[in-house]
Amino acid sequence: SQKDLEDKSNVSAVYINQIEHCRPNKGISSLIKISQALQV
């Protein structure tokens, strides 16, 4: 479950839920923009 993953990864279930529901996140969005700039 998201809660189980939270316990195993020490990443909040709220954050996991945000990622799974495509709610933009500054860190992930930045990595995507960087990869696009690097053409990979």
Full PDB file with SEQRES, HELIX, SHEET, SSBOND, CRYST1, ORIGX, SCALE, CONECT and MASTER records, all heavy atoms in Angstrom:
SEQRES   1 A   40  SER GLN LYS ASP LEU GLU ASP LYS SER ASN VAL SER ALA          
SEQRES   2 A   40  VAL TYR ILE ASN GLN ILE GLU HIS CYS ARG PRO ASN LYS          
SEQRES   3 A   40  GLY ILE SER SER LEU ILE LYS ILE SER GLN ALA LEU GLN          
SEQRES   4 A   40  VAL                                                          
HELIX    1 AA1 GLN A    2  SER A    9  1                                   8    
HELIX    2 AA2 ALA A   13  GLU A   20  1                                   8    
HELIX    3 AA3 LYS A   26  ALA A   37  1                                  12    
CRYST1    1.000    1.000    1.000  90.00  90.00  90.00 P 1           1          
ORIGX1      1.000000  0.000000  0.000000        0.00000                         
ORIGX2      0.000000  1.000000  0.000000        0.00000                         
ORIGX3      0.000000  0.000000  1.000000        0.00000                         
SCALE1      1.000000  0.000000  0.000000        0.00000                         
SCALE2      0.000000  1.000000  0.000000        0.00000                         
SCALE3      0.000000  0.000000  1.000000        0.00000                         
ATOM      1  N   SER A   1       0.874  -1.172   0.000  1.00  0.00           N  
ATOM      2  CA  SER A   1       0.000   0.000   0.000  1.00  0.00           C  
ATOM      3  C   SER A   1       0.910   1.221   0.000  1.00  0.00           C  
ATOM      4  O   SER A   1       2.130   1.108   0.192  1.00  0.00           O  
ATOM      5  CB  SER A   1      -0.880   0.006   1.246  1.00  0.00           C  
ATOM      6  OG  SER A   1      -0.072   0.209   2.405  1.00  0.00           O  
ATOM      7  N   GLN A   2       0.333   2.381  -0.193  1.00  0.00           N  
ATOM      8  CA  GLN A   2       1.142   3.592  -0.113  1.00  0.00           C  
ATOM      9  C   GLN A   2       1.735   3.732   1.286  1.00  0.00           C  
ATOM     10  O   GLN A   2       2.885   4.145   1.442  1.00  0.00           O  
ATOM     11  CB  GLN A   2       0.316   4.819  -0.492  1.00  0.00           C  
ATOM     12  CG  GLN A   2      -0.021   4.859  -1.967  1.00  0.00           C  
ATOM     13  CD  GLN A   2      -0.881   6.036  -2.363  1.00  0.00           C  
ATOM     14  OE1 GLN A   2      -1.461   6.722  -1.518  1.00  0.00           O  
ATOM     15  NE2 GLN A   2      -0.999   6.270  -3.664  1.00  0.00           N  
ATOM     16  N   LYS A   3       0.977   3.350   2.293  1.00  0.00           N  
ATOM     17  CA  LYS A   3       1.467   3.408   3.677  1.00  0.00           C  
ATOM     18  C   LYS A   3       2.626   2.424   3.873  1.00  0.00           C  
ATOM     19  O   LYS A   3       3.627   2.750   4.523  1.00  0.00           O  
ATOM     20  CB  LYS A   3       0.322   3.113   4.659  1.00  0.00           C  
ATOM     21  CG  LYS A   3       0.745   3.062   6.100  1.00  0.00           C  
ATOM     22  CD  LYS A   3       1.223   4.418   6.606  1.00  0.00           C  
ATOM     23  CE  LYS A   3       1.545   4.354   8.090  1.00  0.00           C  
ATOM     24  NZ  LYS A   3       2.766   5.035   8.445  1.00  0.00           N  
ATOM     25  N   ASP A   4       2.500   1.214   3.312  1.00  0.00           N  
ATOM     26  CA  ASP A   4       3.598   0.233   3.413  1.00  0.00           C  
ATOM     27  C   ASP A   4       4.862   0.776   2.763  1.00  0.00           C  
ATOM     28  O   ASP A   4       5.960   0.636   3.304  1.00  0.00           O  
ATOM     29  CB  ASP A   4       3.211  -1.091   2.731  1.00  0.00           C  
ATOM     30  CG  ASP A   4       2.079  -1.829   3.402  1.00  0.00           C  
ATOM     31  OD1 ASP A   4       1.869  -1.640   4.624  1.00  0.00           O  
ATOM     32  OD2 ASP A   4       1.386  -2.597   2.702  1.00  0.00           O  
ATOM     33  N   LEU A   5       4.691   1.404   1.583  1.00  0.00           N  
ATOM     34  CA  LEU A   5       5.846   1.968   0.887  1.00  0.00           C  
ATOM     35  C   LEU A   5       6.445   3.117   1.692  1.00  0.00           C  
ATOM     36  O   LEU A   5       7.670   3.258   1.755  1.00  0.00           O  
ATOM     37  CB  LEU A   5       5.456   2.423  -0.521  1.00  0.00           C  
ATOM     38  CG  LEU A   5       6.580   2.943  -1.408  1.00  0.00           C  
ATOM     39  CD1 LEU A   5       7.726   1.940  -1.521  1.00  0.00           C  
ATOM     40  CD2 LEU A   5       6.040   3.306  -2.784  1.00  0.00           C  
ATOM     41  N   GLU A   6       5.603   3.888   2.322  1.00  0.00           N  
ATOM     42  CA  GLU A   6       6.084   4.953   3.205  1.00  0.00           C  
ATOM     43  C   GLU A   6       6.977   4.362   4.295  1.00  0.00           C  
ATOM     44  O   GLU A   6       8.082   4.852   4.551  1.00  0.00           O  
ATOM     45  CB  GLU A   6       4.902   5.688   3.849  1.00  0.00           C  
ATOM     46  CG  GLU A   6       5.322   6.697   4.906  1.00  0.00           C  
ATOM     47  CD  GLU A   6       4.142   7.340   5.613  1.00  0.00           C  
ATOM     48  OE1 GLU A   6       3.276   6.611   6.138  1.00  0.00           O  
ATOM     49  OE2 GLU A   6       4.107   8.588   5.643  1.00  0.00           O  
ATOM     50  N   ASP A   7       6.502   3.300   4.923  1.00  0.00           N  
ATOM     51  CA  ASP A   7       7.260   2.673   6.005  1.00  0.00           C  
ATOM     52  C   ASP A   7       8.599   2.112   5.512  1.00  0.00           C  
ATOM     53  O   ASP A   7       9.615   2.228   6.189  1.00  0.00           O  
ATOM     54  CB  ASP A   7       6.439   1.557   6.661  1.00  0.00           C  
ATOM     55  CG  ASP A   7       5.210   2.086   7.394  1.00  0.00           C  
ATOM     56  OD1 ASP A   7       5.168   3.302   7.715  1.00  0.00           O  
ATOM     57  OD2 ASP A   7       4.277   1.282   7.625  1.00  0.00           O  
ATOM     58  N   LYS A   8       8.592   1.507   4.323  1.00  0.00           N  
ATOM     59  CA  LYS A   8       9.814   0.902   3.782  1.00  0.00           C  
ATOM     60  C   LYS A   8      10.802   1.926   3.233  1.00  0.00           C  
ATOM     61  O   LYS A   8      12.003   1.692   3.250  1.00  0.00           O  
ATOM     62  CB  LYS A   8       9.463  -0.101   2.678  1.00  0.00           C  
ATOM     63  CG  LYS A   8       8.823  -1.379   3.189  1.00  0.00           C  
ATOM     64  CD  LYS A   8       8.614  -2.365   2.070  1.00  0.00           C  
ATOM     65  CE  LYS A   8       9.905  -3.013   1.748  1.00  0.00           C  
ATOM     66  NZ  LYS A   8       9.994  -4.439   1.827  1.00  0.00           N  
ATOM     67  N   SER A   9      10.291   3.053   2.717  1.00  0.00           N  
ATOM     68  CA  SER A   9      11.164   4.012   2.026  1.00  0.00           C  
ATOM     69  C   SER A   9      11.446   5.274   2.831  1.00  0.00           C  
ATOM     70  O   SER A   9      12.309   6.051   2.455  1.00  0.00           O  
ATOM     71  CB  SER A   9      10.531   4.418   0.693  1.00  0.00           C  
ATOM     72  OG  SER A   9       9.337   5.161   0.922  1.00  0.00           O  
ATOM     73  N   ASN A  10      10.684   5.469   3.892  1.00  0.00           N  
ATOM     74  CA  ASN A  10      10.783   6.693   4.678  1.00  0.00           C  
ATOM     75  C   ASN A  10      10.425   7.925   3.847  1.00  0.00           C  
ATOM     76  O   ASN A  10      10.969   9.009   4.022  1.00  0.00           O  
ATOM     77  CB  ASN A  10      12.167   6.841   5.313  1.00  0.00           C  
ATOM     78  CG  ASN A  10      12.147   7.774   6.511  1.00  0.00           C  
ATOM     79  OD1 ASN A  10      11.131   7.905   7.187  1.00  0.00           O  
ATOM     80  ND2 ASN A  10      13.255   8.440   6.762  1.00  0.00           N  
ATOM     81  N   VAL A  11       9.516   7.725   2.880  1.00  0.00           N  
ATOM     82  CA  VAL A  11       8.966   8.796   2.058  1.00  0.00           C  
ATOM     83  C   VAL A  11       7.472   8.825   2.352  1.00  0.00           C  
ATOM     84  O   VAL A  11       6.820   7.782   2.343  1.00  0.00           O  
ATOM     85  CB  VAL A  11       9.214   8.538   0.552  1.00  0.00           C  
ATOM     86  CG1 VAL A  11       8.503   9.557  -0.311  1.00  0.00           C  
ATOM     87  CG2 VAL A  11      10.707   8.516   0.257  1.00  0.00           C  
ATOM     88  N   SER A  12       6.925   9.992   2.615  1.00  0.00           N  
ATOM     89  CA  SER A  12       5.539  10.068   3.066  1.00  0.00           C  
ATOM     90  C   SER A  12       4.550   9.505   2.040  1.00  0.00           C  
ATOM     91  O   SER A  12       4.731   9.656   0.826  1.00  0.00           O  
ATOM     92  CB  SER A  12       5.160  11.504   3.408  1.00  0.00           C  
ATOM     93  OG  SER A  12       4.864  12.244   2.249  1.00  0.00           O  
ATOM     94  N   ALA A  13       3.513   8.888   2.559  1.00  0.00           N  
ATOM     95  CA  ALA A  13       2.453   8.351   1.708  1.00  0.00           C  
ATOM     96  C   ALA A  13       1.766   9.469   0.939  1.00  0.00           C  
ATOM     97  O   ALA A  13       1.322   9.275  -0.193  1.00  0.00           O  
ATOM     98  CB  ALA A  13       1.444   7.570   2.548  1.00  0.00           C  
ATOM     99  N   VAL A  14       1.695  10.646   1.529  1.00  0.00           N  
ATOM    100  CA  VAL A  14       1.108  11.804   0.845  1.00  0.00           C  
ATOM    101  C   VAL A  14       1.925  12.131  -0.404  1.00  0.00           C  
ATOM    102  O   VAL A  14       1.378  12.365  -1.487  1.00  0.00           O  
ATOM    103  CB  VAL A  14       1.035  13.031   1.791  1.00  0.00           C  
ATOM    104  CG1 VAL A  14       0.657  14.291   1.036  1.00  0.00           C  
ATOM    105  CG2 VAL A  14       0.067  12.758   2.927  1.00  0.00           C  
ATOM    106  N   TYR A  15       3.248  12.132  -0.271  1.00  0.00           N  
ATOM    107  CA  TYR A  15       4.134  12.412  -1.402  1.00  0.00           C  
ATOM    108  C   TYR A  15       4.005  11.314  -2.464  1.00  0.00           C  
ATOM    109  O   TYR A  15       3.919  11.607  -3.671  1.00  0.00           O  
ATOM    110  CB  TYR A  15       5.567  12.522  -0.903  1.00  0.00           C  
ATOM    111  CG  TYR A  15       6.571  12.923  -1.946  1.00  0.00           C  
ATOM    112  CD1 TYR A  15       6.555  14.194  -2.508  1.00  0.00           C  
ATOM    113  CD2 TYR A  15       7.546  12.035  -2.371  1.00  0.00           C  
ATOM    114  CE1 TYR A  15       7.490  14.569  -3.464  1.00  0.00           C  
ATOM    115  CE2 TYR A  15       8.485  12.402  -3.322  1.00  0.00           C  
ATOM    116  CZ  TYR A  15       8.446  13.660  -3.866  1.00  0.00           C  
ATOM    117  OH  TYR A  15       9.357  14.026  -4.810  1.00  0.00           O  
ATOM    118  N   ILE A  16       3.964  10.060  -2.039  1.00  0.00           N  
ATOM    119  CA  ILE A  16       3.794   8.937  -2.970  1.00  0.00           C  
ATOM    120  C   ILE A  16       2.479   9.092  -3.723  1.00  0.00           C  
ATOM    121  O   ILE A  16       2.420   8.922  -4.945  1.00  0.00           O  
ATOM    122  CB  ILE A  16       3.864   7.598  -2.205  1.00  0.00           C  
ATOM    123  CG1 ILE A  16       5.284   7.378  -1.684  1.00  0.00           C  
ATOM    124  CG2 ILE A  16       3.410   6.431  -3.085  1.00  0.00           C  
ATOM    125  CD1 ILE A  16       5.422   6.299  -0.626  1.00  0.00           C  
ATOM    126  N   ASN A  17       1.420   9.457  -3.007  1.00  0.00           N  
ATOM    127  CA  ASN A  17       0.113   9.669  -3.624  1.00  0.00           C  
ATOM    128  C   ASN A  17       0.165  10.797  -4.636  1.00  0.00           C  
ATOM    129  O   ASN A  17      -0.411  10.700  -5.729  1.00  0.00           O  
ATOM    130  CB  ASN A  17      -0.931   9.954  -2.531  1.00  0.00           C  
ATOM    131  CG  ASN A  17      -2.309  10.122  -3.106  1.00  0.00           C  
ATOM    132  OD1 ASN A  17      -2.654  11.186  -3.609  1.00  0.00           O  
ATOM    133  ND2 ASN A  17      -3.107   9.076  -3.027  1.00  0.00           N  
ATOM    134  N   GLN A  18       0.853  11.874  -4.309  1.00  0.00           N  
ATOM    135  CA  GLN A  18       0.971  13.005  -5.246  1.00  0.00           C  
ATOM    136  C   GLN A  18       1.650  12.567  -6.534  1.00  0.00           C  
ATOM    137  O   GLN A  18       1.215  12.949  -7.631  1.00  0.00           O  
ATOM    138  CB  GLN A  18       1.759  14.142  -4.601  1.00  0.00           C  
ATOM    139  CG  GLN A  18       1.013  14.864  -3.520  1.00  0.00           C  
ATOM    140  CD  GLN A  18       1.874  15.890  -2.801  1.00  0.00           C  
ATOM    141  OE1 GLN A  18       3.094  15.823  -2.826  1.00  0.00           O  
ATOM    142  NE2 GLN A  18       1.225  16.840  -2.144  1.00  0.00           N  
ATOM    143  N   ILE A  19       2.705  11.772  -6.427  1.00  0.00           N  
ATOM    144  CA  ILE A  19       3.398  11.307  -7.625  1.00  0.00           C  
ATOM    145  C   ILE A  19       2.484  10.400  -8.437  1.00  0.00           C  
ATOM    146  O   ILE A  19       2.357  10.550  -9.650  1.00  0.00           O  
ATOM    147  CB  ILE A  19       4.713  10.575  -7.257  1.00  0.00           C  
ATOM    148  CG1 ILE A  19       5.692  11.545  -6.617  1.00  0.00           C  
ATOM    149  CG2 ILE A  19       5.330   9.940  -8.510  1.00  0.00           C  
ATOM    150  CD1 ILE A  19       6.917  10.879  -6.013  1.00  0.00           C  
ATOM    151  N   GLU A  20       1.830   9.439  -7.767  1.00  0.00           N  
ATOM    152  CA  GLU A  20       0.965   8.493  -8.474  1.00  0.00           C  
ATOM    153  C   GLU A  20      -0.221   9.172  -9.151  1.00  0.00           C  
ATOM    154  O   GLU A  20      -0.768   8.637 -10.106  1.00  0.00           O  
ATOM    155  CB  GLU A  20       0.469   7.402  -7.522  1.00  0.00           C  
ATOM    156  CG  GLU A  20       1.547   6.410  -7.154  1.00  0.00           C  
ATOM    157  CD  GLU A  20       1.022   5.251  -6.326  1.00  0.00           C  
ATOM    158  OE1 GLU A  20      -0.184   5.171  -6.026  1.00  0.00           O  
ATOM    159  OE2 GLU A  20       1.854   4.391  -5.960  1.00  0.00           O  
ATOM    160  N   HIS A  21      -0.605  10.331  -8.681  1.00  0.00           N  
ATOM    161  CA  HIS A  21      -1.739  11.043  -9.272  1.00  0.00           C  
ATOM    162  C   HIS A  21      -1.293  12.229 -10.126  1.00  0.00           C  
ATOM    163  O   HIS A  21      -2.066  13.143 -10.397  1.00  0.00           O  
ATOM    164  CB  HIS A  21      -2.723  11.470  -8.181  1.00  0.00           C  
ATOM    165  CG  HIS A  21      -3.476  10.310  -7.623  1.00  0.00           C  
ATOM    166  ND1 HIS A  21      -3.031   9.603  -6.524  1.00  0.00           N  
ATOM    167  CD2 HIS A  21      -4.598   9.694  -8.048  1.00  0.00           C  
ATOM    168  CE1 HIS A  21      -3.870   8.634  -6.283  1.00  0.00           C  
ATOM    169  NE2 HIS A  21      -4.825   8.656  -7.192  1.00  0.00           N  
ATOM    170  N   CYS A  22      -0.032  12.204 -10.552  1.00  0.00           N  
ATOM    171  CA  CYS A  22       0.526  13.193 -11.490  1.00  0.00           C  
ATOM    172  C   CYS A  22       0.368  14.625 -11.006  1.00  0.00           C  
ATOM    173  O   CYS A  22       0.139  15.544 -11.803  1.00  0.00           O  
ATOM    174  CB  CYS A  22      -0.089  13.046 -12.878  1.00  0.00           C  
ATOM    175  SG  CYS A  22       0.343  11.529 -13.700  1.00  0.00           S  
ATOM    176  N   ARG A  23       0.506  14.825  -9.717  1.00  0.00           N  
ATOM    177  CA  ARG A  23       0.496  16.192  -9.208  1.00  0.00           C  
ATOM    178  C   ARG A  23       1.935  16.697  -9.260  1.00  0.00           C  
ATOM    179  O   ARG A  23       2.806  16.152  -8.589  1.00  0.00           O  
ATOM    180  CB  ARG A  23      -0.057  16.223  -7.785  1.00  0.00           C  
ATOM    181  CG  ARG A  23      -1.524  15.883  -7.761  1.00  0.00           C  
ATOM    182  CD  ARG A  23      -2.132  16.127  -6.401  1.00  0.00           C  
ATOM    183  NE  ARG A  23      -3.414  15.453  -6.350  1.00  0.00           N  
ATOM    184  CZ  ARG A  23      -3.647  14.346  -5.657  1.00  0.00           C  
ATOM    185  NH1 ARG A  23      -2.697  13.786  -4.940  1.00  0.00           N  
ATOM    186  NH2 ARG A  23      -4.838  13.794  -5.666  1.00  0.00           N  
ATOM    187  N   PRO A  24       2.172  17.695 -10.069  1.00  0.00           N  
ATOM    188  CA  PRO A  24       3.547  18.159 -10.270  1.00  0.00           C  
ATOM    189  C   PRO A  24       4.289  18.453  -8.967  1.00  0.00           C  
ATOM    190  O   PRO A  24       3.720  18.959  -8.016  1.00  0.00           O  
ATOM    191  CB  PRO A  24       3.367  19.438 -11.092  1.00  0.00           C  
ATOM    192  CG  PRO A  24       2.081  19.234 -11.805  1.00  0.00           C  
ATOM    193  CD  PRO A  24       1.212  18.460 -10.841  1.00  0.00           C  
ATOM    194  N   ASN A  25       5.532  18.074  -8.974  1.00  0.00           N  
ATOM    195  CA  ASN A  25       6.418  18.251  -7.836  1.00  0.00           C  
ATOM    196  C   ASN A  25       7.649  18.981  -8.335  1.00  0.00           C  
ATOM    197  O   ASN A  25       8.186  18.651  -9.391  1.00  0.00           O  
ATOM    198  CB  ASN A  25       6.778  16.863  -7.295  1.00  0.00           C  
ATOM    199  CG  ASN A  25       7.918  16.886  -6.345  1.00  0.00           C  
ATOM    200  OD1 ASN A  25       9.063  17.046  -6.751  1.00  0.00           O  
ATOM    201  ND2 ASN A  25       7.608  16.720  -5.083  1.00  0.00           N  
ATOM    202  N   LYS A  26       8.101  19.960  -7.585  1.00  0.00           N  
ATOM    203  CA  LYS A  26       9.230  20.799  -8.012  1.00  0.00           C  
ATOM    204  C   LYS A  26      10.462  19.968  -8.357  1.00  0.00           C  
ATOM    205  O   LYS A  26      11.070  20.155  -9.402  1.00  0.00           O  
ATOM    206  CB  LYS A  26       9.553  21.813  -6.906  1.00  0.00           C  
ATOM    207  CG  LYS A  26      10.658  22.756  -7.242  1.00  0.00           C  
ATOM    208  CD  LYS A  26      10.132  23.954  -7.970  1.00  0.00           C  
ATOM    209  CE  LYS A  26      11.224  24.981  -8.102  1.00  0.00           C  
ATOM    210  NZ  LYS A  26      11.169  25.703  -9.320  1.00  0.00           N  
ATOM    211  N   GLY A  27      10.831  19.030  -7.487  1.00  0.00           N  
ATOM    212  CA  GLY A  27      12.036  18.230  -7.725  1.00  0.00           C  
ATOM    213  C   GLY A  27      11.939  17.369  -8.964  1.00  0.00           C  
ATOM    214  O   GLY A  27      12.845  17.345  -9.803  1.00  0.00           O  
ATOM    215  N   ILE A  28      10.829  16.672  -9.105  1.00  0.00           N  
ATOM    216  CA  ILE A  28      10.650  15.786 -10.261  1.00  0.00           C  
ATOM    217  C   ILE A  28      10.504  16.608 -11.534  1.00  0.00           C  
ATOM    218  O   ILE A  28      11.104  16.292 -12.560  1.00  0.00           O  
ATOM    219  CB  ILE A  28       9.453  14.850 -10.044  1.00  0.00           C  
ATOM    220  CG1 ILE A  28       9.769  13.881  -8.897  1.00  0.00           C  
ATOM    221  CG2 ILE A  28       9.115  14.086 -11.313  1.00  0.00           C  
ATOM    222  CD1 ILE A  28       8.593  13.074  -8.408  1.00  0.00           C  
ATOM    223  N   SER A  29       9.729  17.679 -11.462  1.00  0.00           N  
ATOM    224  CA  SER A  29       9.568  18.542 -12.640  1.00  0.00           C  
ATOM    225  C   SER A  29      10.910  19.115 -13.085  1.00  0.00           C  
ATOM    226  O   SER A  29      11.188  19.209 -14.281  1.00  0.00           O  
ATOM    227  CB  SER A  29       8.592  19.676 -12.346  1.00  0.00           C  
ATOM    228  OG  SER A  29       7.297  19.164 -12.125  1.00  0.00           O  
ATOM    229  N   SER A  30      11.744  19.463 -12.129  1.00  0.00           N  
ATOM    230  CA  SER A  30      13.074  20.000 -12.464  1.00  0.00           C  
ATOM    231  C   SER A  30      13.931  18.958 -13.158  1.00  0.00           C  
ATOM    232  O   SER A  30      14.613  19.268 -14.143  1.00  0.00           O  
ATOM    233  CB  SER A  30      13.775  20.500 -11.196  1.00  0.00           C  
ATOM    234  OG  SER A  30      13.075  21.589 -10.653  1.00  0.00           O  
ATOM    235  N   LEU A  31      13.903  17.706 -12.675  1.00  0.00           N  
ATOM    236  CA  LEU A  31      14.678  16.639 -13.330  1.00  0.00           C  
ATOM    237  C   LEU A  31      14.193  16.398 -14.755  1.00  0.00           C  
ATOM    238  O   LEU A  31      15.002  16.184 -15.664  1.00  0.00           O  
ATOM    239  CB  LEU A  31      14.602  15.344 -12.522  1.00  0.00           C  
ATOM    240  CG  LEU A  31      15.465  15.285 -11.283  1.00  0.00           C  
ATOM    241  CD1 LEU A  31      15.197  14.002 -10.502  1.00  0.00           C  
ATOM    242  CD2 LEU A  31      16.943  15.379 -11.644  1.00  0.00           C  
ATOM    243  N   ILE A  32      12.884  16.464 -14.951  1.00  0.00           N  
ATOM    244  CA  ILE A  32      12.336  16.276 -16.293  1.00  0.00           C  
ATOM    245  C   ILE A  32      12.800  17.410 -17.212  1.00  0.00           C  
ATOM    246  O   ILE A  32      13.233  17.172 -18.337  1.00  0.00           O  
ATOM    247  CB  ILE A  32      10.793  16.171 -16.251  1.00  0.00           C  
ATOM    248  CG1 ILE A  32      10.382  14.862 -15.559  1.00  0.00           C  
ATOM    249  CG2 ILE A  32      10.198  16.252 -17.651  1.00  0.00           C  
ATOM    250  CD1 ILE A  32       8.902  14.763 -15.217  1.00  0.00           C  
ATOM    251  N   LYS A  33      12.760  18.641 -16.730  1.00  0.00           N  
ATOM    252  CA  LYS A  33      13.213  19.788 -17.531  1.00  0.00           C  
ATOM    253  C   LYS A  33      14.702  19.684 -17.846  1.00  0.00           C  
ATOM    254  O   LYS A  33      15.141  19.997 -18.958  1.00  0.00           O  
ATOM    255  CB  LYS A  33      12.917  21.090 -16.797  1.00  0.00           C  
ATOM    256  CG  LYS A  33      11.453  21.436 -16.759  1.00  0.00           C  
ATOM    257  CD  LYS A  33      11.210  22.697 -15.949  1.00  0.00           C  
ATOM    258  CE  LYS A  33       9.737  23.002 -15.856  1.00  0.00           C  
ATOM    259  NZ  LYS A  33       9.448  24.164 -15.023  1.00  0.00           N  
ATOM    260  N   ILE A  34      15.488  19.251 -16.866  1.00  0.00           N  
ATOM    261  CA  ILE A  34      16.931  19.086 -17.086  1.00  0.00           C  
ATOM    262  C   ILE A  34      17.183  18.023 -18.142  1.00  0.00           C  
ATOM    263  O   ILE A  34      17.994  18.215 -19.056  1.00  0.00           O  
ATOM    264  CB  ILE A  34      17.652  18.754 -15.761  1.00  0.00           C  
ATOM    265  CG1 ILE A  34      17.657  19.978 -14.843  1.00  0.00           C  
ATOM    266  CG2 ILE A  34      19.066  18.232 -16.018  1.00  0.00           C  
ATOM    267  CD1 ILE A  34      18.070  19.687 -13.408  1.00  0.00           C  
ATOM    268  N   SER A  35      16.472  16.897 -18.053  1.00  0.00           N  
ATOM    269  CA  SER A  35      16.672  15.828 -19.037  1.00  0.00           C  
ATOM    270  C   SER A  35      16.299  16.308 -20.435  1.00  0.00           C  
ATOM    271  O   SER A  35      16.976  15.975 -21.407  1.00  0.00           O  
ATOM    272  CB  SER A  35      15.882  14.565 -18.660  1.00  0.00           C  
ATOM    273  OG  SER A  35      14.503  14.739 -18.870  1.00  0.00           O  
ATOM    274  N   GLN A  36      15.244  17.105 -20.537  1.00  0.00           N  
ATOM    275  CA  GLN A  36      14.854  17.641 -21.844  1.00  0.00           C  
ATOM    276  C   GLN A  36      15.928  18.576 -22.394  1.00  0.00           C  
ATOM    277  O   GLN A  36      16.255  18.520 -23.575  1.00  0.00           O  
ATOM    278  CB  GLN A  36      13.512  18.365 -21.747  1.00  0.00           C  
ATOM    279  CG  GLN A  36      12.358  17.419 -21.497  1.00  0.00           C  
ATOM    280  CD  GLN A  36      11.059  18.139 -21.187  1.00  0.00           C  
ATOM    281  OE1 GLN A  36      11.047  19.313 -20.830  1.00  0.00           O  
ATOM    282  NE2 GLN A  36       9.956  17.418 -21.314  1.00  0.00           N  
ATOM    283  N   ALA A  37      16.482  19.400 -21.533  1.00  0.00           N  
ATOM    284  CA  ALA A  37      17.542  20.313 -21.973  1.00  0.00           C  
ATOM    285  C   ALA A  37      18.775  19.543 -22.429  1.00  0.00           C  
ATOM    286  O   ALA A  37      19.477  19.981 -23.341  1.00  0.00           O  
ATOM    287  CB  ALA A  37      17.904  21.277 -20.843  1.00  0.00           C  
ATOM    288  N   LEU A  38      19.014  18.394 -21.802  1.00  0.00           N  
ATOM    289  CA  LEU A  38      20.164  17.555 -22.168  1.00  0.00           C  
ATOM    290  C   LEU A  38      19.851  16.608 -23.327  1.00  0.00           C  
ATOM    291  O   LEU A  38      20.722  15.876 -23.782  1.00  0.00           O  
ATOM    292  CB  LEU A  38      20.619  16.741 -20.952  1.00  0.00           C  
ATOM    293  CG  LEU A  38      21.152  17.551 -19.771  1.00  0.00           C  
ATOM    294  CD1 LEU A  38      21.390  16.643 -18.573  1.00  0.00           C  
ATOM    295  CD2 LEU A  38      22.417  18.293 -20.157  1.00  0.00           C  
ATOM    296  N   GLN A  39      18.596  16.626 -23.781  1.00  0.00           N  
ATOM    297  CA  GLN A  39      18.144  15.805 -24.907  1.00  0.00           C  
ATOM    298  C   GLN A  39      18.223  14.309 -24.614  1.00  0.00           C  
ATOM    299  O   GLN A  39      18.601  13.513 -25.473  1.00  0.00           O  
ATOM    300  CB  GLN A  39      18.921  16.152 -26.174  1.00  0.00           C  
ATOM    301  CG  GLN A  39      18.828  17.607 -26.556  1.00  0.00           C  
ATOM    302  CD  GLN A  39      19.684  17.940 -27.753  1.00  0.00           C  
ATOM    303  OE1 GLN A  39      19.649  17.235 -28.751  1.00  0.00           O  
ATOM    304  NE2 GLN A  39      20.439  19.018 -27.659  1.00  0.00           N  
ATOM    305  N   VAL A  40      17.872  13.935 -23.382  1.00  0.00           N  
ATOM    306  CA  VAL A  40      17.846  12.525 -23.003  1.00  0.00           C  
ATOM    307  C   VAL A  40      16.562  12.234 -22.222  1.00  0.00           C  
ATOM    308  O   VAL A  40      16.009  13.134 -21.584  1.00  0.00           O  
ATOM    309  CB  VAL A  40      19.072  12.114 -22.144  1.00  0.00           C  
ATOM    310  CG1 VAL A  40      20.367  12.289 -22.920  1.00  0.00           C  
ATOM    311  CG2 VAL A  40      19.124  12.866 -20.833  1.00  0.00           C  
TER     312      VAL A  40                                                      
MASTER        0    0    0    3    0    0    0    6  311    1    0    4          
END                                                                             
